């Protein structure tokens, strides 16, 4: 009888030793589904730049911006240059305006050559990025920058990354409205 009791105790001990392994085996499909859900939660935004910059035609500018936005590494978002003339429901519209020089400038009505932009002439610009989700306007981020222009401009790349982070990052404008955060001066 003593041997039977030892045998049953040993069997129970072996069973309990395998419970964590069995639980893990049973939960594995759930973890897989959670991993798939997190990748499925990514929103693909079409990147639109209706007007180009000197040195970058609007279609090349949209590709440039989409690549720089992707380099920021925001897990919830994917970026593709807009294709065709149809307006996407989920999109970021980028606008670039050339600003006058700070010291004042003489207005010239002649078109600047693209060579002028490629050979070291830096210009102040205003960048605006508007976010639309499901066809509805969400928020806007605006930034001032000084750029040279063209596809190899590190200042333009840095400005696009900064605006992307300010728009869609963890503490960006979209998260602020998404979480219902209030500005400190409006808090009660």
N, C-alpha and C. Protein backbone atom coordinates (compact mmCIF):
# COMPACT_ATOMS: atom_id res chain seq x y z
N UNK A 1 0.82 -1.18 0.00
CA UNK A 1 0.00 0.00 0.00
C UNK A 1 0.86 1.25 0.00
N UNK A 2 1.96 1.16 0.68
CA UNK A 2 2.86 2.29 0.74
C UNK A 2 3.44 2.60 -0.64
N UNK A 3 3.73 1.58 -1.42
CA UNK A 3 4.24 1.78 -2.78
C UNK A 3 3.18 2.41 -3.68
N UNK A 4 1.92 1.99 -3.49
CA UNK A 4 0.84 2.58 -4.29
C UNK A 4 0.70 4.07 -3.96
N UNK A 5 0.84 4.41 -2.72
CA UNK A 5 0.73 5.80 -2.32
C UNK A 5 1.88 6.62 -2.89
N UNK A 6 3.11 6.08 -2.84
CA UNK A 6 4.27 6.76 -3.41
C UNK A 6 4.07 6.95 -4.90
N UNK A 7 3.53 5.95 -5.55
CA UNK A 7 3.32 6.01 -7.00
C UNK A 7 2.32 7.11 -7.35
N UNK A 8 1.23 7.22 -6.58
CA UNK A 8 0.23 8.24 -6.88
C UNK A 8 0.77 9.64 -6.57
N UNK A 9 1.58 9.78 -5.51
CA UNK A 9 2.19 11.06 -5.18
C UNK A 9 3.16 11.47 -6.29
N UNK A 10 3.93 10.51 -6.78
CA UNK A 10 4.87 10.79 -7.86
C UNK A 10 4.13 11.19 -9.13
N UNK A 11 3.02 10.54 -9.42
CA UNK A 11 2.22 10.88 -10.61
C UNK A 11 1.66 12.29 -10.50
N UNK A 12 1.16 12.65 -9.32
CA UNK A 12 0.61 13.99 -9.12
C UNK A 12 1.73 15.03 -9.24
N UNK A 13 2.89 14.74 -8.70
CA UNK A 13 4.02 15.66 -8.78
C UNK A 13 4.45 15.85 -10.23
N UNK A 14 4.49 14.78 -10.99
CA UNK A 14 4.83 14.88 -12.42
C UNK A 14 3.78 15.69 -13.17
N UNK A 15 2.53 15.46 -12.83
CA UNK A 15 1.45 16.20 -13.48
C UNK A 15 1.59 17.70 -13.20
N UNK A 16 1.83 18.08 -11.95
CA UNK A 16 1.97 19.48 -11.59
C UNK A 16 3.21 20.12 -12.23
N UNK A 17 4.23 19.32 -12.45
CA UNK A 17 5.42 19.84 -13.10
C UNK A 17 5.14 20.22 -14.55
N UNK A 18 4.19 19.56 -15.18
CA UNK A 18 3.87 19.81 -16.59
C UNK A 18 2.72 20.79 -16.79
N UNK A 19 2.06 21.21 -15.71
CA UNK A 19 0.96 22.16 -15.82
C UNK A 19 1.40 23.49 -16.46
N UNK A 20 2.51 24.09 -16.02
CA UNK A 20 2.91 25.34 -16.68
C UNK A 20 3.17 25.17 -18.18
N UNK A 21 3.77 24.04 -18.53
CA UNK A 21 4.03 23.77 -19.94
C UNK A 21 2.72 23.61 -20.71
N UNK A 22 1.77 22.91 -20.12
CA UNK A 22 0.47 22.72 -20.78
C UNK A 22 -0.28 24.05 -20.89
N UNK A 23 -0.20 24.88 -19.85
CA UNK A 23 -0.87 26.18 -19.89
C UNK A 23 -0.27 27.07 -20.97
N UNK A 24 1.06 27.03 -21.06
CA UNK A 24 1.73 27.81 -22.10
C UNK A 24 1.32 27.31 -23.48
N UNK A 25 1.24 26.00 -23.64
CA UNK A 25 0.85 25.41 -24.93
C UNK A 25 -0.59 25.81 -25.28
N UNK A 26 -1.46 25.89 -24.30
CA UNK A 26 -2.84 26.29 -24.55
C UNK A 26 -2.95 27.78 -24.85
N UNK A 27 -2.10 28.62 -24.23
CA UNK A 27 -2.16 30.06 -24.44
C UNK A 27 -1.42 30.52 -25.70
N UNK A 28 -0.59 29.68 -26.26
CA UNK A 28 0.20 30.07 -27.43
C UNK A 28 -0.66 30.60 -28.58
N UNK A 29 -1.78 29.95 -28.93
CA UNK A 29 -2.61 30.52 -30.01
C UNK A 29 -3.15 31.91 -29.67
N UNK A 30 -3.43 32.17 -28.40
CA UNK A 30 -3.91 33.49 -28.00
C UNK A 30 -2.84 34.54 -28.22
N UNK A 31 -1.59 34.23 -27.85
CA UNK A 31 -0.50 35.18 -28.06
C UNK A 31 -0.30 35.44 -29.55
N UNK A 32 -0.44 34.42 -30.35
CA UNK A 32 -0.32 34.59 -31.80
C UNK A 32 -1.39 35.51 -32.34
N UNK A 33 -2.62 35.36 -31.83
CA UNK A 33 -3.71 36.23 -32.27
C UNK A 33 -3.47 37.67 -31.82
N UNK A 34 -2.92 37.85 -30.62
CA UNK A 34 -2.61 39.20 -30.15
C UNK A 34 -1.54 39.84 -31.03
N UNK A 35 -0.56 39.07 -31.43
CA UNK A 35 0.49 39.61 -32.30
C UNK A 35 -0.10 40.00 -33.65
N UNK A 36 -1.00 39.18 -34.17
CA UNK A 36 -1.65 39.51 -35.44
C UNK A 36 -2.54 40.74 -35.28
N UNK A 37 -3.22 40.86 -34.15
CA UNK A 37 -4.09 42.01 -33.93
C UNK A 37 -3.28 43.29 -33.86
N UNK A 38 -2.08 43.23 -33.28
CA UNK A 38 -1.29 44.45 -33.19
C UNK A 38 -0.81 44.89 -34.57
N UNK A 39 -0.49 43.95 -35.46
CA UNK A 39 -0.10 44.35 -36.80
C UNK A 39 -1.31 44.77 -37.61
N UNK A 40 -2.46 44.19 -37.31
CA UNK A 40 -3.67 44.57 -38.03
C UNK A 40 -4.14 45.96 -37.61
N UNK A 41 -3.71 46.42 -36.44
CA UNK A 41 -4.13 47.73 -35.95
C UNK A 41 -3.41 48.86 -36.66
N UNK A 42 -2.39 48.54 -37.46
CA UNK A 42 -1.69 49.58 -38.20
C UNK A 42 -2.62 50.23 -39.20
N UNK A 43 -2.55 51.55 -39.27
CA UNK A 43 -3.33 52.31 -40.23
C UNK A 43 -2.39 52.77 -41.33
N UNK A 44 -2.78 52.52 -42.57
CA UNK A 44 -1.98 52.99 -43.70
C UNK A 44 -2.48 54.35 -44.13
N UNK A 45 -1.59 55.32 -44.08
CA UNK A 45 -1.93 56.68 -44.49
C UNK A 45 -1.34 56.97 -45.86
N UNK A 46 -2.15 57.52 -46.73
CA UNK A 46 -1.67 57.98 -48.02
C UNK A 46 -1.03 59.35 -47.81
N UNK A 47 0.13 59.54 -48.39
CA UNK A 47 0.87 60.79 -48.25
C UNK A 47 0.65 61.61 -49.51
N UNK A 48 0.07 62.78 -49.33
CA UNK A 48 -0.22 63.66 -50.47
C UNK A 48 0.57 64.95 -50.33
N UNK A 49 1.14 65.38 -51.44
CA UNK A 49 1.83 66.67 -51.51
C UNK A 49 1.40 67.29 -52.83
N UNK A 50 0.28 68.02 -52.82
CA UNK A 50 -0.28 68.52 -54.08
C UNK A 50 0.63 69.49 -54.84
N UNK A 51 1.51 70.15 -54.14
CA UNK A 51 2.44 71.08 -54.79
C UNK A 51 3.84 70.65 -54.44
N UNK A 52 4.72 70.67 -55.40
CA UNK A 52 6.09 70.26 -55.16
C UNK A 52 6.92 71.38 -54.55
N UNK A 53 8.17 71.09 -54.38
CA UNK A 53 9.17 72.06 -53.94
C UNK A 53 10.19 72.17 -55.06
N UNK A 54 10.88 73.26 -55.14
CA UNK A 54 11.96 73.31 -56.13
C UNK A 54 12.93 72.16 -55.90
N UNK A 55 13.21 71.43 -56.94
CA UNK A 55 14.07 70.26 -56.85
C UNK A 55 13.32 68.97 -56.62
N UNK A 56 12.02 69.05 -56.29
CA UNK A 56 11.20 67.85 -56.08
C UNK A 56 9.79 68.10 -56.63
N UNK A 57 9.45 67.43 -57.70
CA UNK A 57 8.11 67.48 -58.26
C UNK A 57 7.15 66.87 -57.23
N UNK A 58 5.85 67.21 -57.29
CA UNK A 58 4.93 66.77 -56.24
C UNK A 58 4.88 65.25 -56.09
N UNK A 59 4.99 64.47 -57.18
CA UNK A 59 4.95 63.02 -57.03
C UNK A 59 6.24 62.51 -56.36
N UNK A 60 7.38 63.10 -56.71
CA UNK A 60 8.65 62.73 -56.06
C UNK A 60 8.64 63.19 -54.61
N UNK A 61 8.03 64.33 -54.35
CA UNK A 61 7.95 64.84 -52.98
C UNK A 61 7.11 63.91 -52.11
N UNK A 62 6.01 63.40 -52.64
CA UNK A 62 5.16 62.47 -51.88
C UNK A 62 5.95 61.19 -51.54
N UNK A 63 6.73 60.68 -52.47
CA UNK A 63 7.55 59.49 -52.19
C UNK A 63 8.62 59.82 -51.14
N UNK A 64 9.26 60.97 -51.27
CA UNK A 64 10.28 61.42 -50.32
C UNK A 64 9.68 61.51 -48.92
N UNK A 65 8.54 62.16 -48.80
CA UNK A 65 7.89 62.34 -47.49
C UNK A 65 7.49 61.00 -46.89
N UNK A 66 6.87 60.12 -47.70
CA UNK A 66 6.44 58.80 -47.19
C UNK A 66 7.63 58.01 -46.66
N UNK A 67 8.75 58.06 -47.36
CA UNK A 67 9.95 57.35 -46.90
C UNK A 67 10.47 57.94 -45.60
N UNK A 68 10.48 59.25 -45.48
CA UNK A 68 10.98 59.89 -44.25
C UNK A 68 10.02 59.65 -43.08
N UNK A 69 8.73 59.63 -43.35
CA UNK A 69 7.75 59.35 -42.30
C UNK A 69 7.94 57.93 -41.77
N UNK A 70 8.19 56.98 -42.67
CA UNK A 70 8.39 55.59 -42.27
C UNK A 70 9.65 55.45 -41.41
N UNK A 71 10.66 56.25 -41.69
CA UNK A 71 11.91 56.17 -40.93
C UNK A 71 11.74 56.63 -39.48
N UNK A 72 10.69 57.35 -39.18
CA UNK A 72 10.45 57.80 -37.80
C UNK A 72 10.16 56.59 -36.91
N UNK A 73 9.59 55.52 -37.48
CA UNK A 73 9.38 54.28 -36.74
C UNK A 73 8.17 54.27 -35.83
N UNK A 74 7.07 54.80 -36.28
CA UNK A 74 5.84 54.79 -35.49
C UNK A 74 5.10 53.47 -35.76
N UNK A 75 4.93 52.66 -34.73
CA UNK A 75 4.41 51.30 -34.88
C UNK A 75 2.97 51.25 -35.38
N UNK A 76 2.15 52.23 -35.06
CA UNK A 76 0.73 52.18 -35.41
C UNK A 76 0.43 52.66 -36.83
N UNK A 77 1.43 53.15 -37.52
CA UNK A 77 1.19 53.80 -38.81
C UNK A 77 2.09 53.24 -39.90
N UNK A 78 1.52 53.17 -41.11
CA UNK A 78 2.28 52.87 -42.33
C UNK A 78 2.03 54.03 -43.28
N UNK A 79 2.98 54.28 -44.17
CA UNK A 79 2.89 55.44 -45.06
C UNK A 79 3.17 55.02 -46.49
N UNK A 80 2.30 55.46 -47.39
CA UNK A 80 2.46 55.20 -48.82
C UNK A 80 2.21 56.50 -49.57
N UNK A 81 2.99 56.74 -50.63
CA UNK A 81 2.69 57.93 -51.45
C UNK A 81 1.33 57.74 -52.12
N UNK A 82 0.56 58.79 -52.19
CA UNK A 82 -0.76 58.73 -52.80
C UNK A 82 -0.61 58.40 -54.29
N UNK A 83 -1.47 57.54 -54.76
CA UNK A 83 -1.45 57.15 -56.17
C UNK A 83 -2.76 57.59 -56.82
N UNK A 84 -2.67 58.20 -57.96
CA UNK A 84 -3.87 58.60 -58.67
C UNK A 84 -4.46 59.89 -58.15
N UNK A 85 -5.58 60.25 -58.72
CA UNK A 85 -6.21 61.52 -58.36
C UNK A 85 -7.31 61.37 -57.31
N UNK A 86 -7.64 60.12 -56.94
CA UNK A 86 -8.67 59.91 -55.93
C UNK A 86 -8.15 60.32 -54.56
N UNK A 87 -9.00 60.97 -53.78
CA UNK A 87 -8.63 61.41 -52.44
C UNK A 87 -8.85 60.24 -51.48
N UNK A 88 -7.80 59.85 -50.77
CA UNK A 88 -7.88 58.74 -49.82
C UNK A 88 -8.57 59.18 -48.54
N UNK A 89 -9.28 58.26 -47.91
CA UNK A 89 -9.97 58.58 -46.65
C UNK A 89 -8.97 58.76 -45.51
N UNK A 90 -7.92 57.94 -45.50
CA UNK A 90 -6.88 58.03 -44.47
C UNK A 90 -5.64 58.60 -45.14
N UNK A 91 -5.33 59.84 -44.79
CA UNK A 91 -4.22 60.51 -45.50
C UNK A 91 -3.61 61.61 -44.64
N UNK A 92 -2.41 62.01 -45.07
CA UNK A 92 -1.75 63.19 -44.53
C UNK A 92 -1.46 64.09 -45.72
N UNK A 93 -1.98 65.29 -45.67
CA UNK A 93 -1.75 66.27 -46.74
C UNK A 93 -0.65 67.23 -46.28
N UNK A 94 0.41 67.30 -47.07
CA UNK A 94 1.55 68.17 -46.78
C UNK A 94 1.51 69.38 -47.68
N UNK A 95 1.72 70.55 -47.08
CA UNK A 95 1.80 71.80 -47.82
C UNK A 95 3.10 72.50 -47.43
N UNK A 96 3.80 73.00 -48.44
CA UNK A 96 5.05 73.73 -48.23
C UNK A 96 4.89 75.11 -48.83
N UNK A 97 5.13 76.14 -48.02
CA UNK A 97 5.08 77.53 -48.50
C UNK A 97 6.45 78.15 -48.32
N UNK A 98 6.94 78.79 -49.37
CA UNK A 98 8.20 79.51 -49.27
C UNK A 98 7.95 80.81 -48.53
N UNK A 99 8.75 81.08 -47.52
CA UNK A 99 8.64 82.30 -46.73
C UNK A 99 9.62 83.34 -47.26
N UNK A 100 9.34 84.61 -47.05
CA UNK A 100 10.33 85.63 -47.40
C UNK A 100 11.51 85.52 -46.44
N UNK A 101 12.68 85.96 -46.88
CA UNK A 101 13.84 85.97 -46.01
C UNK A 101 13.59 86.90 -44.84
N UNK A 102 14.18 86.63 -43.69
CA UNK A 102 13.94 87.41 -42.48
C UNK A 102 14.38 88.86 -42.63
N UNK A 103 15.42 89.11 -43.38
CA UNK A 103 15.91 90.47 -43.54
C UNK A 103 15.12 91.25 -44.57
N UNK A 104 14.08 90.65 -45.08
CA UNK A 104 13.30 91.28 -46.14
C UNK A 104 13.91 90.93 -47.47
N UNK A 105 13.13 90.92 -48.47
CA UNK A 105 13.65 90.58 -49.78
C UNK A 105 12.91 91.39 -50.83
N UNK A 106 13.55 91.55 -51.90
CA UNK A 106 12.93 92.20 -53.04
C UNK A 106 12.14 91.13 -53.76
N UNK A 107 10.89 91.38 -53.96
CA UNK A 107 10.05 90.41 -54.66
C UNK A 107 10.49 90.29 -56.10
N UNK A 108 10.72 89.09 -56.50
CA UNK A 108 11.10 88.83 -57.88
C UNK A 108 9.97 88.04 -58.52
N UNK A 109 9.55 88.45 -59.67
CA UNK A 109 8.47 87.74 -60.34
C UNK A 109 9.00 86.73 -61.34
N UNK A 110 10.30 86.66 -61.45
CA UNK A 110 10.90 85.66 -62.32
C UNK A 110 10.99 84.35 -61.56
N UNK A 111 10.81 83.24 -62.24
CA UNK A 111 10.86 81.91 -61.63
C UNK A 111 12.30 81.55 -61.29
N UNK A 112 12.53 81.08 -60.07
CA UNK A 112 13.87 80.64 -59.69
C UNK A 112 14.20 79.35 -60.43
N UNK A 113 15.41 79.25 -60.86
CA UNK A 113 15.82 78.02 -61.53
C UNK A 113 16.06 76.94 -60.48
N UNK A 114 15.87 75.70 -60.89
CA UNK A 114 16.10 74.61 -59.95
C UNK A 114 17.57 74.49 -59.60
N UNK A 115 18.46 74.97 -60.47
CA UNK A 115 19.89 74.94 -60.16
C UNK A 115 20.19 75.82 -58.95
N UNK A 116 19.46 76.92 -58.81
CA UNK A 116 19.66 77.80 -57.67
C UNK A 116 19.38 77.06 -56.38
N UNK A 117 18.40 76.16 -56.41
CA UNK A 117 18.04 75.41 -55.21
C UNK A 117 19.05 74.31 -54.92
N UNK A 118 19.69 73.79 -55.91
CA UNK A 118 20.59 72.67 -55.70
C UNK A 118 21.99 73.10 -55.30
N UNK A 119 22.32 74.34 -55.44
CA UNK A 119 23.69 74.75 -55.19
C UNK A 119 23.80 75.65 -53.95
N UNK A 120 23.20 75.23 -52.85
CA UNK A 120 23.46 75.85 -51.58
C UNK A 120 22.58 77.01 -51.16
N UNK A 121 21.54 77.35 -51.88
CA UNK A 121 20.66 78.44 -51.47
C UNK A 121 19.65 77.87 -50.48
N UNK A 122 19.70 78.34 -49.24
CA UNK A 122 18.76 77.90 -48.22
C UNK A 122 17.61 78.88 -48.13
N UNK A 123 16.40 78.34 -47.99
CA UNK A 123 15.19 79.16 -47.92
C UNK A 123 14.36 78.80 -46.71
N UNK A 124 13.79 79.80 -46.05
CA UNK A 124 12.84 79.50 -44.97
C UNK A 124 11.50 79.07 -45.58
N UNK A 125 10.91 78.05 -44.97
CA UNK A 125 9.61 77.56 -45.44
C UNK A 125 8.71 77.32 -44.23
N UNK A 126 7.42 77.23 -44.52
CA UNK A 126 6.43 76.79 -43.55
C UNK A 126 5.90 75.45 -44.04
N UNK A 127 5.92 74.47 -43.17
CA UNK A 127 5.42 73.13 -43.49
C UNK A 127 4.14 72.92 -42.70
N UNK A 128 3.11 72.45 -43.38
CA UNK A 128 1.85 72.08 -42.72
C UNK A 128 1.53 70.64 -43.08
N UNK A 129 1.12 69.87 -42.09
CA UNK A 129 0.68 68.50 -42.31
C UNK A 129 -0.70 68.34 -41.67
N UNK A 130 -1.67 67.99 -42.50
CA UNK A 130 -3.05 67.80 -42.04
C UNK A 130 -3.39 66.32 -42.07
N UNK A 131 -3.94 65.82 -40.97
CA UNK A 131 -4.30 64.42 -40.85
C UNK A 131 -5.80 64.24 -41.07
N UNK A 132 -6.15 63.30 -41.94
CA UNK A 132 -7.54 62.92 -42.19
C UNK A 132 -7.67 61.42 -41.94
N UNK A 133 -8.68 61.03 -41.15
CA UNK A 133 -8.99 59.62 -40.92
C UNK A 133 -10.45 59.39 -41.25
N UNK A 134 -10.72 58.35 -42.00
CA UNK A 134 -12.08 58.03 -42.45
C UNK A 134 -12.72 59.23 -43.16
N UNK A 135 -11.90 59.98 -43.87
CA UNK A 135 -12.39 61.12 -44.63
C UNK A 135 -12.66 62.37 -43.81
N UNK A 136 -12.41 62.30 -42.50
CA UNK A 136 -12.67 63.45 -41.64
C UNK A 136 -11.37 64.08 -41.15
N UNK A 137 -11.33 65.40 -41.21
CA UNK A 137 -10.17 66.15 -40.72
C UNK A 137 -9.99 65.90 -39.23
N UNK A 138 -8.73 65.65 -38.80
CA UNK A 138 -8.43 65.39 -37.41
C UNK A 138 -7.65 66.54 -36.76
N UNK A 139 -6.50 66.86 -37.33
CA UNK A 139 -5.64 67.88 -36.73
C UNK A 139 -4.58 68.35 -37.72
N UNK A 140 -3.88 69.41 -37.33
CA UNK A 140 -2.87 70.05 -38.17
C UNK A 140 -1.63 70.31 -37.33
N UNK A 141 -0.46 70.13 -37.94
CA UNK A 141 0.80 70.52 -37.33
C UNK A 141 1.51 71.43 -38.31
N UNK A 142 2.06 72.51 -37.79
CA UNK A 142 2.78 73.49 -38.62
C UNK A 142 4.17 73.67 -38.04
N UNK A 143 5.16 73.82 -38.93
CA UNK A 143 6.55 74.00 -38.50
C UNK A 143 7.28 74.91 -39.48
N UNK A 144 8.17 75.72 -38.93
CA UNK A 144 9.05 76.55 -39.74
C UNK A 144 10.37 75.81 -39.90
N UNK A 145 10.97 75.89 -41.06
CA UNK A 145 12.26 75.24 -41.30
C UNK A 145 13.03 76.03 -42.34
N UNK A 146 14.30 75.79 -42.39
CA UNK A 146 15.15 76.36 -43.44
C UNK A 146 15.73 75.20 -44.21
N UNK A 147 15.41 75.14 -45.49
CA UNK A 147 15.82 74.00 -46.30
C UNK A 147 16.58 74.47 -47.54
N UNK A 148 17.23 73.50 -48.15
CA UNK A 148 17.90 73.75 -49.42
C UNK A 148 17.03 73.24 -50.56
N UNK A 149 16.31 72.17 -50.33
CA UNK A 149 15.47 71.57 -51.35
C UNK A 149 16.16 70.41 -52.03
N UNK A 150 15.40 69.63 -52.73
CA UNK A 150 15.96 68.49 -53.43
C UNK A 150 15.90 67.22 -52.60
N UNK A 151 16.09 66.07 -53.24
CA UNK A 151 15.94 64.78 -52.56
C UNK A 151 17.06 64.45 -51.58
N UNK A 152 18.16 65.18 -51.62
CA UNK A 152 19.28 64.89 -50.73
C UNK A 152 19.42 65.90 -49.59
N UNK A 153 18.41 66.70 -49.36
CA UNK A 153 18.49 67.75 -48.35
C UNK A 153 18.25 67.17 -46.95
N UNK A 154 19.29 67.14 -46.09
CA UNK A 154 19.10 66.60 -44.74
C UNK A 154 18.20 67.48 -43.87
N UNK A 155 18.18 68.79 -44.13
CA UNK A 155 17.32 69.68 -43.36
C UNK A 155 15.85 69.41 -43.66
N UNK A 156 15.53 69.16 -44.91
CA UNK A 156 14.15 68.83 -45.30
C UNK A 156 13.76 67.50 -44.69
N UNK A 157 14.64 66.51 -44.73
CA UNK A 157 14.35 65.20 -44.15
C UNK A 157 14.11 65.32 -42.64
N UNK A 158 14.95 66.11 -41.96
CA UNK A 158 14.79 66.30 -40.52
C UNK A 158 13.48 67.02 -40.20
N UNK A 159 13.11 68.00 -41.01
CA UNK A 159 11.87 68.74 -40.79
C UNK A 159 10.65 67.83 -40.97
N UNK A 160 10.67 66.97 -42.00
CA UNK A 160 9.57 66.04 -42.22
C UNK A 160 9.47 65.06 -41.05
N UNK A 161 10.59 64.56 -40.57
CA UNK A 161 10.58 63.65 -39.41
C UNK A 161 10.03 64.34 -38.17
N UNK A 162 10.42 65.59 -37.96
CA UNK A 162 9.94 66.34 -36.80
C UNK A 162 8.43 66.58 -36.86
N UNK A 163 7.95 66.96 -38.02
CA UNK A 163 6.51 67.18 -38.18
C UNK A 163 5.74 65.87 -38.00
N UNK A 164 6.28 64.77 -38.53
CA UNK A 164 5.63 63.47 -38.38
C UNK A 164 5.52 63.10 -36.90
N UNK A 165 6.60 63.28 -36.15
CA UNK A 165 6.59 62.98 -34.72
C UNK A 165 5.60 63.88 -33.99
N UNK A 166 5.56 65.16 -34.35
CA UNK A 166 4.63 66.10 -33.71
C UNK A 166 3.18 65.81 -34.06
N UNK A 167 2.95 65.19 -35.21
CA UNK A 167 1.59 64.88 -35.64
C UNK A 167 1.11 63.53 -35.09
N UNK A 168 1.95 62.48 -35.22
CA UNK A 168 1.49 61.13 -34.94
C UNK A 168 2.22 60.42 -33.81
N UNK A 169 3.25 61.03 -33.26
CA UNK A 169 4.04 60.40 -32.20
C UNK A 169 3.26 60.22 -30.91
N UNK A 170 3.91 59.60 -29.94
CA UNK A 170 3.27 59.28 -28.66
C UNK A 170 2.72 60.52 -27.96
N UNK A 171 3.40 61.65 -28.08
CA UNK A 171 2.90 62.87 -27.47
C UNK A 171 2.51 63.90 -28.54
N UNK A 172 2.16 63.40 -29.71
CA UNK A 172 1.81 64.27 -30.83
C UNK A 172 0.40 64.80 -30.77
N UNK A 173 0.07 65.63 -31.74
CA UNK A 173 -1.23 66.30 -31.80
C UNK A 173 -2.38 65.30 -31.92
N UNK A 174 -2.23 64.23 -32.72
CA UNK A 174 -3.32 63.28 -32.87
C UNK A 174 -3.58 62.53 -31.57
N UNK A 175 -2.53 62.13 -30.87
CA UNK A 175 -2.70 61.42 -29.60
C UNK A 175 -3.38 62.33 -28.58
N UNK A 176 -3.08 63.62 -28.61
CA UNK A 176 -3.68 64.56 -27.67
C UNK A 176 -5.19 64.63 -27.87
N UNK A 177 -5.63 64.69 -29.14
CA UNK A 177 -7.08 64.74 -29.36
C UNK A 177 -7.71 63.37 -29.21
N UNK A 178 -6.95 62.31 -29.54
CA UNK A 178 -7.47 60.95 -29.43
C UNK A 178 -7.71 60.58 -27.97
N UNK A 179 -6.83 61.02 -27.10
CA UNK A 179 -6.95 60.71 -25.67
C UNK A 179 -7.82 61.72 -24.94
N UNK A 180 -8.27 62.75 -25.63
CA UNK A 180 -9.11 63.75 -25.00
C UNK A 180 -8.35 64.65 -24.06
N UNK A 181 -7.05 64.79 -24.28
CA UNK A 181 -6.24 65.63 -23.40
C UNK A 181 -6.57 67.08 -23.65
N UNK A 182 -6.53 67.85 -22.58
CA UNK A 182 -6.78 69.29 -22.69
C UNK A 182 -5.48 70.04 -22.51
N UNK A 183 -5.44 71.20 -23.11
CA UNK A 183 -4.29 72.07 -22.87
C UNK A 183 -4.33 72.53 -21.43
N UNK A 184 -3.15 72.74 -20.80
CA UNK A 184 -3.13 73.14 -19.38
C UNK A 184 -3.87 74.45 -19.12
N UNK A 185 -3.86 75.39 -20.05
CA UNK A 185 -4.54 76.66 -19.81
C UNK A 185 -6.06 76.54 -19.88
N UNK A 186 -6.56 75.39 -20.37
CA UNK A 186 -8.01 75.20 -20.45
C UNK A 186 -8.52 74.21 -19.43
N UNK A 187 -7.63 73.61 -18.67
CA UNK A 187 -8.06 72.63 -17.67
C UNK A 187 -8.84 73.33 -16.55
N UNK A 188 -9.77 72.59 -15.99
CA UNK A 188 -10.59 73.17 -14.91
C UNK A 188 -10.18 72.61 -13.59
